[in-house]
Amino acid sequence: METIYETVVRTIGWASFSIGLICVPGVAIAYLLSRKEFAGKHVLSALTTLPLVLPPTAVGYLLLKVFADYGLLGPDTLGFDLRVLLTWKAVVVACSVMAFPIFVRTAKLAFDEVDPRLEDMGRTLGMSGWRVFYSVTLPLAARGLVAAMLLGFARSMGEFGATVIIAGNIPGKTQTLASAIFTAQQRGDDASATTLLWVALLVGFGIVYATERLSLRRVNTGGGRA
């Protein structure tokens, strides 16, 4: 039988992998929503927020349809099998999709707090748009982006509804911290359920506390628009 330690370690690994996958597209979309005006901006914003307001099981069912045989990314459509359903890859996909909205929204707030005049100063000094981004914008938004990663990680750690639809709840294979709590409660193993609950509470509190500290430091250092 799998130990609680193994379940927690595996869940942390999947959550970390999920954040790694969404970091680059998440930062790019957050920057576009914060700094650019373009046709379909509100549509893009709504689409990135959608998993946040839909029932997680609905998101899981949608992903199930996407990776089904005749789905958009199914074997009959692509001509080869990605082997996602009921595997660890399904866990990562579900966690990534559910964490994406909170990551993008938090990252957008971080970019919103960067004074555009500082970016303009960089351009007047002859810096290219890309150099302004990684030399000026990115460092100034760094604390907010770290907060976005932490909150996205926490969301991934606690994901259940979408994951159980697309990945199942297979001990030692696709069982996460959240689904392990559900399983322990269902079989009447209060000791394991309570231990897992305390782990979830400690991880969640630690992440929220770190995020609050990052936000406080941004305020104290004057990070924001004048």
C-alpha atoms as a PDB file:
ATOM      1  CA  MET A   1       0.000   0.000   0.000  1.00  0.00           C
ATOM      2  CA  GLU A   2       1.259   3.453  -0.902  1.00  0.00           C
ATOM      3  CA  THR A   3       2.425   5.693   1.912  1.00  0.00           C
ATOM      4  CA  ILE A   4       1.203   9.219   2.594  1.00  0.00           C
ATOM      5  CA  TYR A   5       4.730  10.470   1.944  1.00  0.00           C
ATOM      6  CA  GLU A   6       4.745   8.983  -1.562  1.00  0.00           C
ATOM      7  CA  THR A   7       1.362  10.517  -2.344  1.00  0.00           C
ATOM      8  CA  VAL A   8       2.460  13.961  -1.188  1.00  0.00           C
ATOM      9  CA  VAL A   9       5.796  13.834  -3.021  1.00  0.00           C
ATOM     10  CA  ARG A  10       4.141  12.699  -6.231  1.00  0.00           C
ATOM     11  CA  THR A  11       1.505  15.430  -5.993  1.00  0.00           C
ATOM     12  CA  ILE A  12       4.179  18.083  -5.424  1.00  0.00           C
ATOM     13  CA  GLY A  13       6.040  16.802  -8.482  1.00  0.00           C
ATOM     14  CA  TRP A  14       2.963  16.948 -10.694  1.00  0.00           C
ATOM     15  CA  ALA A  15       2.021  20.405  -9.416  1.00  0.00           C
ATOM     16  CA  SER A  16       5.555  21.665 -10.088  1.00  0.00           C
ATOM     17  CA  PHE A  17       5.497  20.177 -13.592  1.00  0.00           C
ATOM     18  CA  SER A  18       2.139  21.869 -14.234  1.00  0.00           C
ATOM     19  CA  ILE A  19       3.485  25.284 -13.240  1.00  0.00           C
ATOM     20  CA  GLY A  20       6.512  24.743 -15.456  1.00  0.00           C
ATOM     21  CA  LEU A  21       4.207  24.088 -18.411  1.00  0.00           C
ATOM     22  CA  ILE A  22       2.019  27.156 -17.946  1.00  0.00           C
ATOM     23  CA  CYS A  23       4.709  29.682 -16.977  1.00  0.00           C
ATOM     24  CA  VAL A  24       5.753  30.862 -20.443  1.00  0.00           C
ATOM     25  CA  PRO A  25       2.287  30.985 -22.080  1.00  0.00           C
ATOM     26  CA  GLY A  26       0.809  32.372 -18.852  1.00  0.00           C
ATOM     27  CA  VAL A  27       3.319  35.232 -18.641  1.00  0.00           C
ATOM     28  CA  ALA A  28       2.882  35.989 -22.350  1.00  0.00           C
ATOM     29  CA  ILE A  29      -0.905  36.165 -22.129  1.00  0.00           C
ATOM     30  CA  ALA A  30      -0.799  38.164 -18.886  1.00  0.00           C
ATOM     31  CA  TYR A  31       1.549  40.706 -20.506  1.00  0.00           C
ATOM     32  CA  LEU A  32      -0.661  40.998 -23.587  1.00  0.00           C
ATOM     33  CA  LEU A  33      -3.759  41.557 -21.460  1.00  0.00           C
ATOM     34  CA  SER A  34      -1.956  44.141 -19.336  1.00  0.00           C
ATOM     35  CA  ARG A  35      -0.117  46.132 -21.984  1.00  0.00           C
ATOM     36  CA  LYS A  36      -1.714  45.635 -25.398  1.00  0.00           C
ATOM     37  CA  GLU A  37      -4.993  46.561 -27.039  1.00  0.00           C
ATOM     38  CA  PHE A  38      -6.123  44.206 -29.781  1.00  0.00           C
ATOM     39  CA  ALA A  39      -9.246  42.741 -31.325  1.00  0.00           C
ATOM     40  CA  GLY A  40     -10.547  39.868 -29.241  1.00  0.00           C
ATOM     41  CA  LYS A  41      -8.760  40.950 -26.055  1.00  0.00           C
ATOM     42  CA  HIS A  42     -11.872  40.503 -23.921  1.00  0.00           C
ATOM     43  CA  VAL A  43     -12.570  37.143 -25.560  1.00  0.00           C
ATOM     44  CA  LEU A  44      -9.049  35.971 -24.709  1.00  0.00           C
ATOM     45  CA  SER A  45      -9.459  37.214 -21.141  1.00  0.00           C
ATOM     46  CA  ALA A  46     -12.783  35.384 -20.811  1.00  0.00           C
ATOM     47  CA  LEU A  47     -11.364  32.151 -22.236  1.00  0.00           C
ATOM     48  CA  THR A  48      -8.400  32.155 -19.841  1.00  0.00           C
ATOM     49  CA  THR A  49     -10.742  32.758 -16.902  1.00  0.00           C
ATOM     50  CA  LEU A  50     -13.316  30.143 -17.926  1.00  0.00           C
ATOM     51  CA  PRO A  51     -11.839  27.163 -16.009  1.00  0.00           C
ATOM     52  CA  LEU A  52     -12.013  29.301 -12.872  1.00  0.00           C
ATOM     53  CA  VAL A  53     -15.799  29.650 -13.046  1.00  0.00           C
ATOM     54  CA  LEU A  54     -16.763  26.274 -14.535  1.00  0.00           C
ATOM     55  CA  PRO A  55     -17.306  23.247 -12.297  1.00  0.00           C
ATOM     56  CA  PRO A  56     -14.004  21.323 -12.250  1.00  0.00           C
ATOM     57  CA  THR A  57     -15.851  18.187 -13.309  1.00  0.00           C
ATOM     58  CA  ALA A  58     -17.107  20.053 -16.398  1.00  0.00           C
ATOM     59  CA  VAL A  59     -13.528  20.980 -17.268  1.00  0.00           C
ATOM     60  CA  GLY A  60     -12.502  17.369 -16.746  1.00  0.00           C
ATOM     61  CA  TYR A  61     -15.279  16.132 -19.012  1.00  0.00           C
ATOM     62  CA  LEU A  62     -14.254  18.631 -21.691  1.00  0.00           C
ATOM     63  CA  LEU A  63     -10.656  17.421 -21.474  1.00  0.00           C
ATOM     64  CA  LEU A  64     -11.904  13.853 -21.684  1.00  0.00           C
ATOM     65  CA  LYS A  65     -13.658  14.742 -24.948  1.00  0.00           C
ATOM     66  CA  VAL A  66     -10.511  16.451 -26.263  1.00  0.00           C
ATOM     67  CA  PHE A  67      -8.329  13.383 -25.674  1.00  0.00           C
ATOM     68  CA  ALA A  68     -10.954  10.768 -26.601  1.00  0.00           C
ATOM     69  CA  ASP A  69     -10.443   8.685 -29.741  1.00  0.00           C
ATOM     70  CA  TYR A  70     -12.205  11.162 -32.038  1.00  0.00           C
ATOM     71  CA  GLY A  71     -11.367  14.237 -29.971  1.00  0.00           C
ATOM     72  CA  LEU A  72      -9.253  17.180 -31.063  1.00  0.00           C
ATOM     73  CA  LEU A  73      -6.103  15.530 -29.651  1.00  0.00           C
ATOM     74  CA  GLY A  74      -7.312  11.938 -29.869  1.00  0.00           C
ATOM     75  CA  PRO A  75      -5.467   9.113 -31.662  1.00  0.00           C
ATOM     76  CA  ASP A  76      -7.962   8.903 -34.533  1.00  0.00           C
ATOM     77  CA  THR A  77      -7.518  12.630 -35.203  1.00  0.00           C
ATOM     78  CA  LEU A  78      -3.752  12.894 -34.782  1.00  0.00           C
ATOM     79  CA  GLY A  79      -2.884   9.507 -36.226  1.00  0.00           C
ATOM     80  CA  PHE A  80      -1.016   8.473 -33.066  1.00  0.00           C
ATOM     81  CA  ASP A  81      -1.885   8.047 -29.405  1.00  0.00           C
ATOM     82  CA  LEU A  82      -0.581  10.622 -26.910  1.00  0.00           C
ATOM     83  CA  ARG A  83      -1.466   8.149 -24.139  1.00  0.00           C
ATOM     84  CA  VAL A  84      -2.815  10.822 -21.806  1.00  0.00           C
ATOM     85  CA  LEU A  85      -6.007   9.399 -20.322  1.00  0.00           C
ATOM     86  CA  LEU A  86      -5.662   7.611 -16.981  1.00  0.00           C
ATOM     87  CA  THR A  87      -1.939   8.394 -16.737  1.00  0.00           C
ATOM     88  CA  TRP A  88       0.211  10.891 -14.829  1.00  0.00           C
ATOM     89  CA  LYS A  89       0.138  13.058 -17.957  1.00  0.00           C
ATOM     90  CA  ALA A  90      -3.607  13.449 -17.506  1.00  0.00           C
ATOM     91  CA  VAL A  91      -2.997  14.672 -13.957  1.00  0.00           C
ATOM     92  CA  VAL A  92      -0.543  17.289 -15.226  1.00  0.00           C
ATOM     93  CA  VAL A  93      -2.911  18.413 -17.988  1.00  0.00           C
ATOM     94  CA  ALA A  94      -5.840  18.786 -15.584  1.00  0.00           C
ATOM     95  CA  CYS A  95      -3.732  20.647 -13.007  1.00  0.00           C
ATOM     96  CA  SER A  96      -2.287  22.940 -15.679  1.00  0.00           C
ATOM     97  CA  VAL A  97      -5.698  23.865 -17.064  1.00  0.00           C
ATOM     98  CA  MET A  98      -7.182  24.528 -13.628  1.00  0.00           C
ATOM     99  CA  ALA A  99      -4.164  26.550 -12.422  1.00  0.00           C
ATOM    100  CA  PHE A 100      -3.864  28.626 -15.598  1.00  0.00           C
ATOM    101  CA  PRO A 101      -6.584  31.217 -14.809  1.00  0.00           C
ATOM    102  CA  ILE A 102      -5.283  32.136 -11.362  1.00  0.00           C
ATOM    103  CA  PHE A 103      -1.724  32.267 -12.703  1.00  0.00           C
ATOM    104  CA  VAL A 104      -2.673  34.617 -15.547  1.00  0.00           C
ATOM    105  CA  ARG A 105      -4.838  36.882 -13.382  1.00  0.00           C
ATOM    106  CA  THR A 106      -2.141  37.242 -10.723  1.00  0.00           C
ATOM    107  CA  ALA A 107       0.608  37.769 -13.312  1.00  0.00           C
ATOM    108  CA  LYS A 108      -1.507  40.425 -15.057  1.00  0.00           C
ATOM    109  CA  LEU A 109      -1.842  42.315 -11.763  1.00  0.00           C
ATOM    110  CA  ALA A 110       1.948  42.161 -11.428  1.00  0.00           C
ATOM    111  CA  PHE A 111       2.405  43.723 -14.866  1.00  0.00           C
ATOM    112  CA  ASP A 112      -0.315  46.292 -14.139  1.00  0.00           C
ATOM    113  CA  GLU A 113       1.731  47.505 -11.155  1.00  0.00           C
ATOM    114  CA  VAL A 114       4.783  48.253 -13.320  1.00  0.00           C
ATOM    115  CA  ASP A 115       4.866  51.943 -14.257  1.00  0.00           C
ATOM    116  CA  PRO A 116       4.732  52.183 -18.086  1.00  0.00           C
ATOM    117  CA  ARG A 117       6.844  55.331 -17.903  1.00  0.00           C
ATOM    118  CA  LEU A 118       9.808  53.224 -16.827  1.00  0.00           C
ATOM    119  CA  GLU A 119       9.376  51.115 -19.947  1.00  0.00           C
ATOM    120  CA  ASP A 120       9.123  54.278 -22.052  1.00  0.00           C
ATOM    121  CA  MET A 121      12.391  55.501 -20.579  1.00  0.00           C
ATOM    122  CA  GLY A 122      14.053  52.284 -21.682  1.00  0.00           C
ATOM    123  CA  ARG A 123      12.771  52.748 -25.215  1.00  0.00           C
ATOM    124  CA  THR A 124      14.046  56.341 -25.339  1.00  0.00           C
ATOM    125  CA  LEU A 125      17.485  54.954 -24.470  1.00  0.00           C
ATOM    126  CA  GLY A 126      17.343  52.832 -27.605  1.00  0.00           C
ATOM    127  CA  MET A 127      16.352  49.535 -26.002  1.00  0.00           C
ATOM    128  CA  SER A 128      14.331  47.137 -28.135  1.00  0.00           C
ATOM    129  CA  GLY A 129      10.873  46.027 -27.036  1.00  0.00           C
ATOM    130  CA  TRP A 130      12.206  42.612 -26.035  1.00  0.00           C
ATOM    131  CA  ARG A 131      15.094  44.125 -24.062  1.00  0.00           C
ATOM    132  CA  VAL A 132      12.718  46.493 -22.259  1.00  0.00           C
ATOM    133  CA  PHE A 133      10.605  43.485 -21.320  1.00  0.00           C
ATOM    134  CA  TYR A 134      13.357  41.347 -19.820  1.00  0.00           C
ATOM    135  CA  SER A 135      15.505  44.201 -18.449  1.00  0.00           C
ATOM    136  CA  VAL A 136      12.797  46.492 -17.056  1.00  0.00           C
ATOM    137  CA  THR A 137       9.326  44.960 -16.968  1.00  0.00           C
ATOM    138  CA  LEU A 138      10.192  41.430 -15.907  1.00  0.00           C
ATOM    139  CA  PRO A 139      12.426  42.361 -12.940  1.00  0.00           C
ATOM    140  CA  LEU A 140       9.894  44.904 -11.652  1.00  0.00           C
ATOM    141  CA  ALA A 141       7.076  42.357 -11.919  1.00  0.00           C
ATOM    142  CA  ALA A 142       9.172  39.489 -10.542  1.00  0.00           C
ATOM    143  CA  ARG A 143       7.619  39.348  -7.071  1.00  0.00           C
ATOM    144  CA  GLY A 144       4.117  39.301  -8.511  1.00  0.00           C
ATOM    145  CA  LEU A 145       5.096  36.578 -10.959  1.00  0.00           C
ATOM    146  CA  VAL A 146       6.499  34.476  -8.119  1.00  0.00           C
ATOM    147  CA  ALA A 147       3.178  34.981  -6.311  1.00  0.00           C
ATOM    148  CA  ALA A 148       1.390  33.811  -9.471  1.00  0.00           C
ATOM    149  CA  MET A 149       3.518  30.676  -9.525  1.00  0.00           C
ATOM    150  CA  LEU A 150       2.851  29.981  -5.853  1.00  0.00           C
ATOM    151  CA  LEU A 151      -0.916  30.412  -6.209  1.00  0.00           C
ATOM    152  CA  GLY A 152      -0.949  28.287  -9.361  1.00  0.00           C
ATOM    153  CA  PHE A 153       1.046  25.628  -7.539  1.00  0.00           C
ATOM    154  CA  ALA A 154      -1.429  25.670  -4.659  1.00  0.00           C
ATOM    155  CA  ARG A 155      -4.325  25.317  -7.095  1.00  0.00           C
ATOM    156  CA  SER A 156      -2.610  22.355  -8.733  1.00  0.00           C
ATOM    157  CA  MET A 157      -1.936  20.715  -5.371  1.00  0.00           C
ATOM    158  CA  GLY A 158      -5.620  20.943  -4.450  1.00  0.00           C
ATOM    159  CA  GLU A 159      -7.086  19.940  -7.813  1.00  0.00           C
ATOM    160  CA  PHE A 160      -9.598  17.081  -7.681  1.00  0.00           C
ATOM    161  CA  GLY A 161     -12.656  17.382  -9.913  1.00  0.00           C
ATOM    162  CA  ALA A 162     -11.031  17.668 -13.346  1.00  0.00           C
ATOM    163  CA  THR A 163      -8.239  15.269 -12.403  1.00  0.00           C
ATOM    164  CA  VAL A 164     -10.488  12.444 -11.263  1.00  0.00           C
ATOM    165  CA  ILE A 165     -12.466  12.639 -14.544  1.00  0.00           C
ATOM    166  CA  ILE A 166      -9.514  12.508 -16.922  1.00  0.00           C
ATOM    167  CA  ALA A 167      -6.911  10.666 -14.843  1.00  0.00           C
ATOM    168  CA  GLY A 168      -8.970   8.614 -12.436  1.00  0.00           C
ATOM    169  CA  ASN A 169      -7.947   7.882  -8.864  1.00  0.00           C
ATOM    170  CA  ILE A 170      -5.485   5.026  -9.185  1.00  0.00           C
ATOM    171  CA  PRO A 171      -3.279   4.515  -6.097  1.00  0.00           C
ATOM    172  CA  GLY A 172       0.401   4.617  -6.989  1.00  0.00           C
ATOM    173  CA  LYS A 173      -0.371   5.870 -10.498  1.00  0.00           C
ATOM    174  CA  THR A 174      -2.700   8.870 -10.686  1.00  0.00           C
ATOM    175  CA  GLN A 175      -3.817   9.394  -7.099  1.00  0.00           C
ATOM    176  CA  THR A 176      -3.161  12.922  -5.840  1.00  0.00           C
ATOM    177  CA  LEU A 177      -3.289  14.484  -2.387  1.00  0.00           C
ATOM    178  CA  ALA A 178      -6.885  15.598  -2.918  1.00  0.00           C
ATOM    179  CA  SER A 179      -8.097  12.250  -4.266  1.00  0.00           C
ATOM    180  CA  ALA A 180      -6.212  10.409  -1.504  1.00  0.00           C
ATOM    181  CA  ILE A 181      -8.166  12.415   1.102  1.00  0.00           C
ATOM    182  CA  PHE A 182     -11.397  11.470  -0.677  1.00  0.00           C
ATOM    183  CA  THR A 183     -10.430   7.791  -0.814  1.00  0.00           C
ATOM    184  CA  ALA A 184      -9.384   7.674   2.837  1.00  0.00           C
ATOM    185  CA  GLN A 185     -12.633   9.315   3.912  1.00  0.00           C
ATOM    186  CA  GLN A 186     -14.700   6.948   1.780  1.00  0.00           C
ATOM    187  CA  ARG A 187     -13.113   3.833   3.289  1.00  0.00           C
ATOM    188  CA  GLY A 188     -13.400   5.212   6.821  1.00  0.00           C
ATOM    189  CA  ASP A 189      -9.654   5.672   7.361  1.00  0.00           C
ATOM    190  CA  ASP A 190      -9.932   8.796   9.480  1.00  0.00           C
ATOM    191  CA  ALA A 191      -6.274   8.704  10.558  1.00  0.00           C
ATOM    192  CA  SER A 192      -4.962   8.875   6.979  1.00  0.00           C
ATOM    193  CA  ALA A 193      -7.579  11.424   5.941  1.00  0.00           C
ATOM    194  CA  THR A 194      -6.692  13.654   8.896  1.00  0.00           C
ATOM    195  CA  THR A 195      -2.962  13.400   8.220  1.00  0.00           C
ATOM    196  CA  LEU A 196      -3.451  14.267   4.554  1.00  0.00           C
ATOM    197  CA  LEU A 197      -5.731  17.128   5.549  1.00  0.00           C
ATOM    198  CA  TRP A 198      -3.038  18.569   7.814  1.00  0.00           C
ATOM    199  CA  VAL A 199      -0.505  18.322   4.995  1.00  0.00           C
ATOM    200  CA  ALA A 200      -2.891  20.171   2.676  1.00  0.00           C
ATOM    201  CA  LEU A 201      -3.550  22.833   5.316  1.00  0.00           C
ATOM    202  CA  LEU A 202       0.148  23.387   6.020  1.00  0.00           C
ATOM    203  CA  VAL A 203       1.064  23.600   2.342  1.00  0.00           C
ATOM    204  CA  GLY A 204      -1.858  25.910   1.611  1.00  0.00           C
ATOM    205  CA  PHE A 205      -1.145  28.181   4.562  1.00  0.00           C
ATOM    206  CA  GLY A 206       2.559  28.338   3.712  1.00  0.00           C
ATOM    207  CA  ILE A 207       1.843  29.351   0.122  1.00  0.00           C
ATOM    208  CA  VAL A 208      -0.767  31.959   1.031  1.00  0.00           C
ATOM    209  CA  TYR A 209       1.526  33.392   3.726  1.00  0.00           C
ATOM    210  CA  ALA A 210       4.441  33.601   1.267  1.00  0.00           C
ATOM    211  CA  THR A 211       2.181  35.307  -1.283  1.00  0.00           C
ATOM    212  CA  GLU A 212       1.060  37.857   1.309  1.00  0.00           C
ATOM    213  CA  ARG A 213       4.675  38.571   2.235  1.00  0.00           C
ATOM    214  CA  LEU A 214       5.563  39.116  -1.412  1.00  0.00           C
ATOM    215  CA  SER A 215       2.648  41.519  -1.827  1.00  0.00           C
ATOM    216  CA  LEU A 216       3.689  43.405   1.312  1.00  0.00           C
ATOM    217  CA  ARG A 217       7.249  43.766   0.052  1.00  0.00           C
ATOM    218  CA  ARG A 218       5.990  45.164  -3.264  1.00  0.00           C
ATOM    219  CA  VAL A 219       4.049  47.823  -1.381  1.00  0.00           C
ATOM    220  CA  ASN A 220       6.926  48.654   0.980  1.00  0.00           C
ATOM    221  CA  THR A 221       9.397  49.030  -1.881  1.00  0.00           C
ATOM    222  CA  GLY A 222       7.035  51.282  -3.782  1.00  0.00           C
ATOM    223  CA  GLY A 223       6.353  48.735  -6.514  1.00  0.00           C
ATOM    224  CA  GLY A 224       3.450  50.183  -8.424  1.00  0.00           C
ATOM    225  CA  ARG A 225       2.393  52.996 -10.646  1.00  0.00           C
ATOM    226  CA  ALA A 226       2.903  56.520  -9.489  1.00  0.00           C
END
